[in-house]
Amino acid sequence: MAFSLRSFFELAAELTSPLDLSTPTSSLAVRQQMNFAQGAGAGQADMIWHDRGTIAASLTTTLDLAGGLAGPFGGNLTFARIKMLLVRAAAANTNNVNVVRPASNGLPLALAAGDGFPVKPGGVFWWYDPTAAGVAVTAGTGDLLDLVNSGAGSSVTYEVVIVGAAT
């Protein structure tokens, strides 16, 4: 099975300040292409998992990265390292989709257990690590990632993509 991935980030901004005789302009352009070739080293990955889901009000979806996710061709995926994570919250959501490192057995993506990142309605959380190390997944002690509906009253919809390596 072969693997390749290309992703792009682009930010283009322009700020102008009209004056009487001129209009000064400040332009900013940041572009980065992020590629992964087949493998487990730096700039390499060999696994991808993606899903669209809905989380009921005040509930949590726990992703088990060490054998708890069904692969696209059957069987379960067991990540050894995570290299990219994308979580996109639906614009129609009322609540946030929080990406959280559980206090118990959490993937060490956030610096401390229980920490996380809010993804507001229509927002995106995108994390990328091109190194060979990535973030280590350790079965039973560091393999869980929670997607949490931040509030009561309504469900939230999200899309998640996880890229990593099996070894």
N, C-alpha and C. Protein backbone atom coordinates (compact mmCIF):
# COMPACT_ATOMS: atom_id res chain seq x y z
N MET A 1 0.85 -1.16 0.00
CA MET A 1 0.00 0.00 0.00
C MET A 1 0.90 1.24 0.00
N ALA A 2 0.70 2.15 -0.92
CA ALA A 2 1.49 3.37 -1.02
C ALA A 2 0.77 4.53 -0.35
N PHE A 3 1.54 5.49 0.14
CA PHE A 3 0.98 6.64 0.82
C PHE A 3 1.68 7.90 0.36
N SER A 4 0.92 8.96 0.11
CA SER A 4 1.47 10.30 -0.11
C SER A 4 0.42 11.31 0.31
N LEU A 5 0.87 12.47 0.74
CA LEU A 5 -0.04 13.52 1.17
C LEU A 5 0.58 14.87 0.85
N ARG A 6 -0.23 15.76 0.31
CA ARG A 6 0.17 17.15 0.07
C ARG A 6 -0.88 18.03 0.72
N SER A 7 -0.44 18.99 1.51
CA SER A 7 -1.37 19.96 2.07
C SER A 7 -0.73 21.34 1.96
N PHE A 8 -1.57 22.34 1.94
CA PHE A 8 -1.10 23.71 1.71
C PHE A 8 -1.71 24.64 2.75
N PHE A 9 -0.92 25.59 3.19
CA PHE A 9 -1.40 26.66 4.04
C PHE A 9 -1.03 27.96 3.34
N GLU A 10 -2.00 28.85 3.24
CA GLU A 10 -1.72 30.15 2.63
C GLU A 10 -2.46 31.23 3.39
N LEU A 11 -1.74 32.29 3.70
CA LEU A 11 -2.32 33.45 4.35
C LEU A 11 -1.90 34.66 3.54
N ALA A 12 -2.85 35.43 3.05
CA ALA A 12 -2.56 36.66 2.30
C ALA A 12 -3.36 37.78 2.92
N ALA A 13 -2.67 38.84 3.32
CA ALA A 13 -3.34 39.96 3.96
C ALA A 13 -2.82 41.27 3.39
N GLU A 14 -3.69 42.26 3.37
CA GLU A 14 -3.29 43.59 2.92
C GLU A 14 -3.98 44.61 3.80
N LEU A 15 -3.21 45.55 4.29
CA LEU A 15 -3.72 46.62 5.13
C LEU A 15 -3.38 47.94 4.45
N THR A 16 -4.39 48.78 4.27
CA THR A 16 -4.14 50.08 3.64
C THR A 16 -4.60 51.19 4.57
N SER A 17 -4.00 52.35 4.39
CA SER A 17 -4.35 53.52 5.19
C SER A 17 -4.43 54.73 4.27
N PRO A 18 -5.63 55.02 3.74
CA PRO A 18 -5.76 56.15 2.80
C PRO A 18 -5.42 57.48 3.47
N LEU A 19 -4.51 58.20 2.86
CA LEU A 19 -4.14 59.54 3.30
C LEU A 19 -4.56 60.53 2.21
N ASP A 20 -4.27 61.79 2.42
CA ASP A 20 -4.67 62.81 1.45
C ASP A 20 -4.02 62.60 0.09
N LEU A 21 -2.72 62.31 0.05
CA LEU A 21 -2.00 62.24 -1.21
C LEU A 21 -1.46 60.86 -1.56
N SER A 22 -1.61 59.91 -0.67
CA SER A 22 -1.13 58.55 -0.96
C SER A 22 -1.89 57.55 -0.10
N THR A 23 -1.69 56.30 -0.44
CA THR A 23 -2.30 55.21 0.34
C THR A 23 -1.22 54.19 0.66
N PRO A 24 -0.59 54.32 1.83
CA PRO A 24 0.40 53.32 2.22
C PRO A 24 -0.26 51.93 2.36
N THR A 25 0.51 50.92 1.95
CA THR A 25 0.01 49.55 1.97
C THR A 25 1.02 48.65 2.66
N SER A 26 0.50 47.76 3.48
CA SER A 26 1.32 46.72 4.09
C SER A 26 0.75 45.38 3.65
N SER A 27 1.58 44.60 2.98
CA SER A 27 1.13 43.30 2.48
C SER A 27 1.87 42.19 3.22
N LEU A 28 1.17 41.09 3.43
CA LEU A 28 1.75 39.93 4.09
C LEU A 28 1.35 38.69 3.31
N ALA A 29 2.32 37.84 3.03
CA ALA A 29 2.04 36.57 2.36
C ALA A 29 2.84 35.48 3.05
N VAL A 30 2.14 34.48 3.58
CA VAL A 30 2.77 33.32 4.21
C VAL A 30 2.21 32.09 3.50
N ARG A 31 3.10 31.29 2.97
CA ARG A 31 2.69 30.06 2.27
C ARG A 31 3.58 28.92 2.74
N GLN A 32 2.96 27.80 2.94
CA GLN A 32 3.74 26.61 3.27
C GLN A 32 3.05 25.40 2.67
N GLN A 33 3.84 24.61 1.99
CA GLN A 33 3.36 23.32 1.49
C GLN A 33 3.90 22.25 2.41
N MET A 34 3.03 21.36 2.85
CA MET A 34 3.42 20.30 3.76
C MET A 34 3.18 18.96 3.08
N ASN A 35 4.25 18.22 2.86
CA ASN A 35 4.15 16.95 2.16
C ASN A 35 4.58 15.81 3.07
N PHE A 36 3.96 14.67 2.87
CA PHE A 36 4.41 13.45 3.52
C PHE A 36 4.58 12.40 2.44
N ALA A 37 5.75 11.78 2.42
CA ALA A 37 6.01 10.64 1.55
C ALA A 37 5.80 9.37 2.36
N GLN A 38 5.80 8.23 1.70
CA GLN A 38 5.64 6.93 2.35
C GLN A 38 6.79 6.67 3.31
N GLY A 39 6.47 6.31 4.54
CA GLY A 39 7.51 5.94 5.50
C GLY A 39 7.18 6.41 6.90
N ALA A 40 8.18 6.35 7.78
CA ALA A 40 7.99 6.70 9.17
C ALA A 40 8.99 7.75 9.66
N GLY A 41 9.86 8.25 8.78
CA GLY A 41 10.87 9.22 9.17
C GLY A 41 10.39 10.65 9.07
N ALA A 42 11.35 11.57 9.06
CA ALA A 42 11.03 12.99 8.91
C ALA A 42 10.37 13.22 7.55
N GLY A 43 9.28 13.97 7.55
CA GLY A 43 8.56 14.24 6.31
C GLY A 43 7.85 13.03 5.73
N GLN A 44 7.63 12.02 6.56
CA GLN A 44 7.00 10.79 6.09
C GLN A 44 5.86 10.37 7.01
N ALA A 45 4.90 9.66 6.43
CA ALA A 45 3.78 9.08 7.16
C ALA A 45 3.30 7.89 6.35
N ASP A 46 2.49 7.04 6.98
CA ASP A 46 1.96 5.90 6.22
C ASP A 46 0.54 5.54 6.61
N MET A 47 -0.09 6.42 7.41
CA MET A 47 -1.46 6.15 7.85
C MET A 47 -2.28 7.43 7.84
N ILE A 48 -3.56 7.29 7.48
CA ILE A 48 -4.48 8.42 7.57
C ILE A 48 -5.84 7.88 8.00
N TRP A 49 -6.50 8.64 8.85
CA TRP A 49 -7.85 8.31 9.29
C TRP A 49 -8.67 9.58 9.28
N HIS A 50 -9.90 9.50 8.83
CA HIS A 50 -10.75 10.69 8.80
C HIS A 50 -12.19 10.30 9.07
N ASP A 51 -12.95 11.28 9.56
CA ASP A 51 -14.33 11.01 9.92
C ASP A 51 -15.10 12.31 10.02
N ARG A 52 -16.39 12.22 9.84
CA ARG A 52 -17.31 13.31 10.15
C ARG A 52 -18.24 12.75 11.22
N GLY A 53 -18.44 13.52 12.27
CA GLY A 53 -19.27 13.01 13.35
C GLY A 53 -20.07 14.11 14.01
N THR A 54 -20.98 13.68 14.86
CA THR A 54 -21.81 14.59 15.64
C THR A 54 -21.71 14.17 17.10
N ILE A 55 -21.56 15.16 17.96
CA ILE A 55 -21.47 14.92 19.40
C ILE A 55 -22.69 15.56 20.05
N ALA A 56 -23.45 14.79 20.78
CA ALA A 56 -24.63 15.30 21.47
C ALA A 56 -24.22 16.33 22.52
N ALA A 57 -25.18 17.13 22.95
CA ALA A 57 -24.94 18.20 23.92
C ALA A 57 -24.21 17.67 25.15
N SER A 58 -23.16 18.39 25.55
CA SER A 58 -22.38 18.12 26.76
C SER A 58 -21.69 16.77 26.79
N LEU A 59 -21.54 16.10 25.65
CA LEU A 59 -20.90 14.79 25.63
C LEU A 59 -19.53 14.85 24.97
N THR A 60 -18.85 13.70 24.96
CA THR A 60 -17.49 13.58 24.45
C THR A 60 -17.39 12.38 23.52
N THR A 61 -16.62 12.54 22.45
CA THR A 61 -16.23 11.42 21.60
C THR A 61 -14.75 11.18 21.86
N THR A 62 -14.41 9.96 22.25
CA THR A 62 -13.01 9.61 22.52
C THR A 62 -12.47 8.80 21.36
N LEU A 63 -11.35 9.26 20.80
CA LEU A 63 -10.67 8.56 19.71
C LEU A 63 -9.50 7.79 20.31
N ASP A 64 -9.49 6.48 20.13
CA ASP A 64 -8.40 5.62 20.60
C ASP A 64 -7.46 5.38 19.43
N LEU A 65 -6.30 6.02 19.47
CA LEU A 65 -5.37 6.01 18.35
C LEU A 65 -4.51 4.75 18.30
N ALA A 66 -4.63 3.90 19.30
CA ALA A 66 -3.85 2.66 19.31
C ALA A 66 -4.80 1.47 19.17
N GLY A 67 -5.42 1.37 18.02
CA GLY A 67 -6.25 0.21 17.73
C GLY A 67 -7.74 0.42 17.79
N GLY A 68 -8.17 1.64 18.09
CA GLY A 68 -9.60 1.88 18.24
C GLY A 68 -10.28 2.52 17.05
N LEU A 69 -9.53 2.75 15.97
CA LEU A 69 -10.11 3.40 14.78
C LEU A 69 -10.12 2.41 13.62
N ALA A 70 -11.26 2.30 12.96
CA ALA A 70 -11.37 1.38 11.82
C ALA A 70 -10.64 1.96 10.61
N GLY A 71 -9.82 1.13 9.97
CA GLY A 71 -9.08 1.54 8.78
C GLY A 71 -9.97 1.57 7.55
N PRO A 72 -9.54 2.27 6.50
CA PRO A 72 -10.36 2.39 5.29
C PRO A 72 -10.49 1.09 4.50
N PHE A 73 -9.59 0.14 4.74
CA PHE A 73 -9.61 -1.12 4.00
C PHE A 73 -9.88 -2.31 4.92
N GLY A 74 -10.47 -2.03 6.08
CA GLY A 74 -10.75 -3.07 7.06
C GLY A 74 -9.68 -3.11 8.13
N GLY A 75 -10.01 -3.73 9.23
CA GLY A 75 -9.07 -3.81 10.35
C GLY A 75 -8.99 -2.48 11.09
N ASN A 76 -8.30 -2.51 12.21
CA ASN A 76 -8.13 -1.31 13.02
C ASN A 76 -6.75 -0.71 12.78
N LEU A 77 -6.67 0.61 12.93
CA LEU A 77 -5.41 1.32 12.78
C LEU A 77 -4.74 1.47 14.14
N THR A 78 -3.45 1.27 14.18
CA THR A 78 -2.67 1.50 15.39
C THR A 78 -1.55 2.47 15.04
N PHE A 79 -1.74 3.71 15.42
CA PHE A 79 -0.73 4.74 15.19
C PHE A 79 0.39 4.59 16.22
N ALA A 80 1.64 4.76 15.79
CA ALA A 80 2.77 4.84 16.70
C ALA A 80 3.14 6.30 16.95
N ARG A 81 2.91 7.13 15.93
CA ARG A 81 3.20 8.57 16.01
C ARG A 81 2.16 9.32 15.20
N ILE A 82 1.81 10.51 15.68
CA ILE A 82 0.91 11.40 14.97
C ILE A 82 1.73 12.53 14.39
N LYS A 83 1.48 12.85 13.11
CA LYS A 83 2.24 13.89 12.42
C LYS A 83 1.37 15.09 12.02
N MET A 84 0.05 14.88 11.88
CA MET A 84 -0.84 15.97 11.52
C MET A 84 -2.23 15.69 12.08
N LEU A 85 -2.87 16.75 12.56
CA LEU A 85 -4.23 16.65 13.06
C LEU A 85 -5.00 17.86 12.56
N LEU A 86 -6.17 17.60 12.00
CA LEU A 86 -7.06 18.66 11.54
C LEU A 86 -8.43 18.39 12.14
N VAL A 87 -8.98 19.39 12.80
CA VAL A 87 -10.36 19.32 13.32
C VAL A 87 -11.07 20.56 12.82
N ARG A 88 -12.18 20.34 12.13
CA ARG A 88 -12.97 21.45 11.58
C ARG A 88 -14.38 21.37 12.16
N ALA A 89 -14.82 22.47 12.75
CA ALA A 89 -16.16 22.54 13.34
C ALA A 89 -17.13 23.11 12.31
N ALA A 90 -18.32 22.53 12.25
CA ALA A 90 -19.33 23.01 11.31
C ALA A 90 -19.74 24.44 11.67
N ALA A 91 -19.95 25.25 10.65
CA ALA A 91 -20.34 26.65 10.86
C ALA A 91 -21.69 26.77 11.56
N ALA A 92 -22.55 25.79 11.37
CA ALA A 92 -23.89 25.83 11.97
C ALA A 92 -23.89 25.44 13.45
N ASN A 93 -22.76 25.00 13.99
CA ASN A 93 -22.71 24.65 15.42
C ASN A 93 -23.03 25.86 16.28
N THR A 94 -23.60 25.61 17.44
CA THR A 94 -23.80 26.65 18.44
C THR A 94 -22.67 26.61 19.47
N ASN A 95 -22.23 25.42 19.80
CA ASN A 95 -21.16 25.21 20.78
C ASN A 95 -19.83 24.97 20.08
N ASN A 96 -18.76 25.04 20.85
CA ASN A 96 -17.42 24.71 20.34
C ASN A 96 -17.23 23.20 20.30
N VAL A 97 -16.28 22.77 19.46
CA VAL A 97 -15.76 21.41 19.51
C VAL A 97 -14.38 21.55 20.15
N ASN A 98 -14.23 21.07 21.37
CA ASN A 98 -12.95 21.18 22.05
C ASN A 98 -12.10 19.94 21.78
N VAL A 99 -10.86 20.16 21.38
CA VAL A 99 -9.89 19.09 21.17
C VAL A 99 -9.09 19.00 22.46
N VAL A 100 -9.22 17.87 23.17
CA VAL A 100 -8.70 17.79 24.54
C VAL A 100 -7.80 16.57 24.72
N ARG A 101 -6.71 16.77 25.46
CA ARG A 101 -5.87 15.67 25.94
C ARG A 101 -6.49 15.18 27.24
N PRO A 102 -7.10 13.99 27.22
CA PRO A 102 -7.73 13.51 28.46
C PRO A 102 -6.72 13.41 29.60
N ALA A 103 -7.22 13.61 30.83
CA ALA A 103 -6.35 13.54 32.01
C ALA A 103 -5.78 12.14 32.18
N SER A 104 -6.53 11.12 31.76
CA SER A 104 -6.07 9.75 31.88
C SER A 104 -5.83 9.16 30.49
N ASN A 105 -4.63 8.71 30.23
CA ASN A 105 -4.25 8.05 28.97
C ASN A 105 -4.32 8.97 27.75
N GLY A 106 -4.19 10.27 27.97
CA GLY A 106 -4.30 11.23 26.87
C GLY A 106 -3.07 11.27 25.97
N LEU A 107 -3.31 11.43 24.67
CA LEU A 107 -2.24 11.65 23.70
C LEU A 107 -1.51 12.94 24.09
N PRO A 108 -0.19 12.93 24.24
CA PRO A 108 0.51 14.12 24.71
C PRO A 108 0.67 15.20 23.63
N LEU A 109 -0.44 15.57 23.01
CA LEU A 109 -0.44 16.65 22.02
C LEU A 109 -0.41 18.00 22.72
N ALA A 110 -1.27 18.19 23.71
CA ALA A 110 -1.24 19.40 24.54
C ALA A 110 -0.17 19.20 25.61
N LEU A 111 0.32 20.29 26.16
CA LEU A 111 1.43 20.20 27.11
C LEU A 111 1.06 19.51 28.41
N ALA A 112 -0.16 19.68 28.88
CA ALA A 112 -0.55 19.08 30.16
C ALA A 112 -1.84 18.29 30.00
N ALA A 113 -1.98 17.26 30.82
CA ALA A 113 -3.20 16.47 30.83
C ALA A 113 -4.38 17.37 31.15
N GLY A 114 -5.46 17.21 30.41
CA GLY A 114 -6.65 18.02 30.59
C GLY A 114 -6.67 19.28 29.76
N ASP A 115 -5.54 19.64 29.14
CA ASP A 115 -5.49 20.83 28.28
C ASP A 115 -6.10 20.54 26.92
N GLY A 116 -6.47 21.60 26.23
CA GLY A 116 -7.04 21.41 24.91
C GLY A 116 -7.13 22.71 24.14
N PHE A 117 -7.83 22.64 23.02
CA PHE A 117 -7.96 23.74 22.09
C PHE A 117 -9.42 23.86 21.67
N PRO A 118 -10.05 25.02 21.86
CA PRO A 118 -11.43 25.17 21.41
C PRO A 118 -11.46 25.44 19.91
N VAL A 119 -12.38 24.77 19.24
CA VAL A 119 -12.61 25.03 17.82
C VAL A 119 -14.02 25.59 17.73
N LYS A 120 -14.11 26.89 17.50
CA LYS A 120 -15.39 27.57 17.50
C LYS A 120 -16.15 27.25 16.21
N PRO A 121 -17.47 27.48 16.19
CA PRO A 121 -18.27 27.20 14.99
C PRO A 121 -17.63 27.81 13.74
N GLY A 122 -17.44 26.98 12.72
CA GLY A 122 -16.81 27.41 11.48
C GLY A 122 -15.29 27.46 11.56
N GLY A 123 -14.71 27.15 12.71
CA GLY A 123 -13.28 27.24 12.92
C GLY A 123 -12.55 25.95 12.59
N VAL A 124 -11.23 26.07 12.57
CA VAL A 124 -10.35 24.95 12.24
C VAL A 124 -9.18 24.93 13.21
N PHE A 125 -8.83 23.75 13.69
CA PHE A 125 -7.59 23.52 14.42
C PHE A 125 -6.74 22.64 13.53
N TRP A 126 -5.52 23.11 13.20
CA TRP A 126 -4.63 22.36 12.32
C TRP A 126 -3.26 22.32 12.96
N TRP A 127 -2.76 21.12 13.23
CA TRP A 127 -1.45 20.93 13.85
C TRP A 127 -0.62 20.04 12.94
N TYR A 128 0.67 20.38 12.79
CA TYR A 128 1.54 19.68 11.85
C TYR A 128 2.93 19.54 12.46
N ASP A 129 3.50 18.35 12.39
CA ASP A 129 4.85 18.09 12.87
C ASP A 129 5.58 17.26 11.82
N PRO A 130 6.56 17.85 11.11
CA PRO A 130 7.25 17.12 10.05
C PRO A 130 8.38 16.22 10.54
N THR A 131 8.67 16.21 11.84
CA THR A 131 9.81 15.45 12.35
C THR A 131 9.51 13.95 12.35
N ALA A 132 10.56 13.18 12.47
CA ALA A 132 10.39 11.73 12.57
C ALA A 132 9.66 11.35 13.85
N ALA A 133 9.88 12.10 14.92
CA ALA A 133 9.30 11.77 16.22
C ALA A 133 7.79 12.00 16.26
N GLY A 134 7.30 13.09 15.65
CA GLY A 134 5.89 13.42 15.76
C GLY A 134 5.49 13.46 17.22
N VAL A 135 4.27 13.06 17.52
CA VAL A 135 3.81 12.87 18.91
C VAL A 135 3.61 11.38 19.10
N ALA A 136 4.31 10.83 20.07
CA ALA A 136 4.25 9.38 20.30
C ALA A 136 2.89 8.96 20.83
N VAL A 137 2.40 7.86 20.28
CA VAL A 137 1.17 7.22 20.75
C VAL A 137 1.61 6.00 21.54
N THR A 138 1.20 5.91 22.81
CA THR A 138 1.57 4.79 23.66
C THR A 138 0.29 4.10 24.11
N ALA A 139 0.09 2.88 23.63
CA ALA A 139 -1.14 2.14 23.95
C ALA A 139 -1.31 2.02 25.45
N GLY A 140 -2.50 2.36 25.91
CA GLY A 140 -2.84 2.21 27.32
C GLY A 140 -2.42 3.34 28.23
N THR A 141 -1.49 4.20 27.79
CA THR A 141 -1.06 5.30 28.64
C THR A 141 -1.06 6.65 27.93
N GLY A 142 -1.05 6.68 26.61
CA GLY A 142 -1.01 7.94 25.88
C GLY A 142 -1.56 7.79 24.48
N ASP A 143 -2.81 7.32 24.39
CA ASP A 143 -3.35 7.03 23.07
C ASP A 143 -4.76 7.58 22.83
N LEU A 144 -5.28 8.38 23.76
CA LEU A 144 -6.65 8.86 23.62
C LEU A 144 -6.68 10.35 23.29
N LEU A 145 -7.62 10.74 22.45
CA LEU A 145 -7.86 12.13 22.09
C LEU A 145 -9.37 12.35 22.18
N ASP A 146 -9.77 13.36 22.95
CA ASP A 146 -11.19 13.65 23.13
C ASP A 146 -11.63 14.81 22.26
N LEU A 147 -12.79 14.66 21.65
CA LEU A 147 -13.49 15.75 20.98
C LEU A 147 -14.73 15.99 21.83
N VAL A 148 -14.83 17.19 22.40
CA VAL A 148 -15.83 17.48 23.42
C VAL A 148 -16.78 18.57 22.94
N ASN A 149 -18.08 18.33 23.09
CA ASN A 149 -19.07 19.37 22.87
C ASN A 149 -19.00 20.29 24.08
N SER A 150 -18.72 21.56 23.85
CA SER A 150 -18.44 22.48 24.95
C SER A 150 -19.67 22.91 25.75
N GLY A 151 -20.87 22.58 25.29
CA GLY A 151 -22.02 23.09 26.02
C GLY A 151 -23.24 22.20 25.93
N ALA A 152 -24.26 22.66 26.59
CA ALA A 152 -25.54 21.96 26.63
C ALA A 152 -26.48 22.53 25.57
N GLY A 153 -27.55 21.82 25.33
CA GLY A 153 -28.61 22.36 24.51
C GLY A 153 -28.59 21.97 23.05
N SER A 154 -27.41 21.71 22.48
CA SER A 154 -27.37 21.35 21.07
C SER A 154 -26.16 20.49 20.75
N SER A 155 -26.29 19.71 19.71
CA SER A 155 -25.18 18.87 19.27
C SER A 155 -24.21 19.71 18.42
N VAL A 156 -23.01 19.16 18.19
CA VAL A 156 -22.03 19.78 17.31
C VAL A 156 -21.59 18.76 16.26
N THR A 157 -21.26 19.26 15.09
CA THR A 157 -20.76 18.42 14.01
C THR A 157 -19.32 18.84 13.73
N TYR A 158 -18.49 17.85 13.43
CA TYR A 158 -17.08 18.10 13.19
C TYR A 158 -16.57 17.18 12.08
N GLU A 159 -15.41 17.54 11.55
CA GLU A 159 -14.62 16.67 10.68
C GLU A 159 -13.24 16.57 11.29
N VAL A 160 -12.67 15.38 11.26
CA VAL A 160 -11.34 15.17 11.83
C VAL A 160 -10.51 14.37 10.83
N VAL A 161 -9.23 14.75 10.71
CA VAL A 161 -8.27 14.01 9.89
C VAL A 161 -7.02 13.83 10.76
N ILE A 162 -6.56 12.57 10.84
CA ILE A 162 -5.35 12.24 11.61
C ILE A 162 -4.38 11.56 10.66
N VAL A 163 -3.14 12.07 10.62
CA VAL A 163 -2.09 11.51 9.78
C VAL A 163 -0.95 11.09 10.69
N GLY A 164 -0.39 9.91 10.45
CA GLY A 164 0.71 9.46 11.29
C GLY A 164 1.44 8.29 10.71
N ALA A 165 2.19 7.63 11.55
CA ALA A 165 3.01 6.49 11.13
C ALA A 165 2.75 5.31 12.05
N ALA A 166 2.85 4.12 11.48
CA ALA A 166 2.59 2.89 12.21
C ALA A 166 3.80 2.42 13.02
N THR A 167 4.98 2.92 12.68
CA THR A 167 6.20 2.51 13.41
C THR A 167 6.98 3.71 13.85
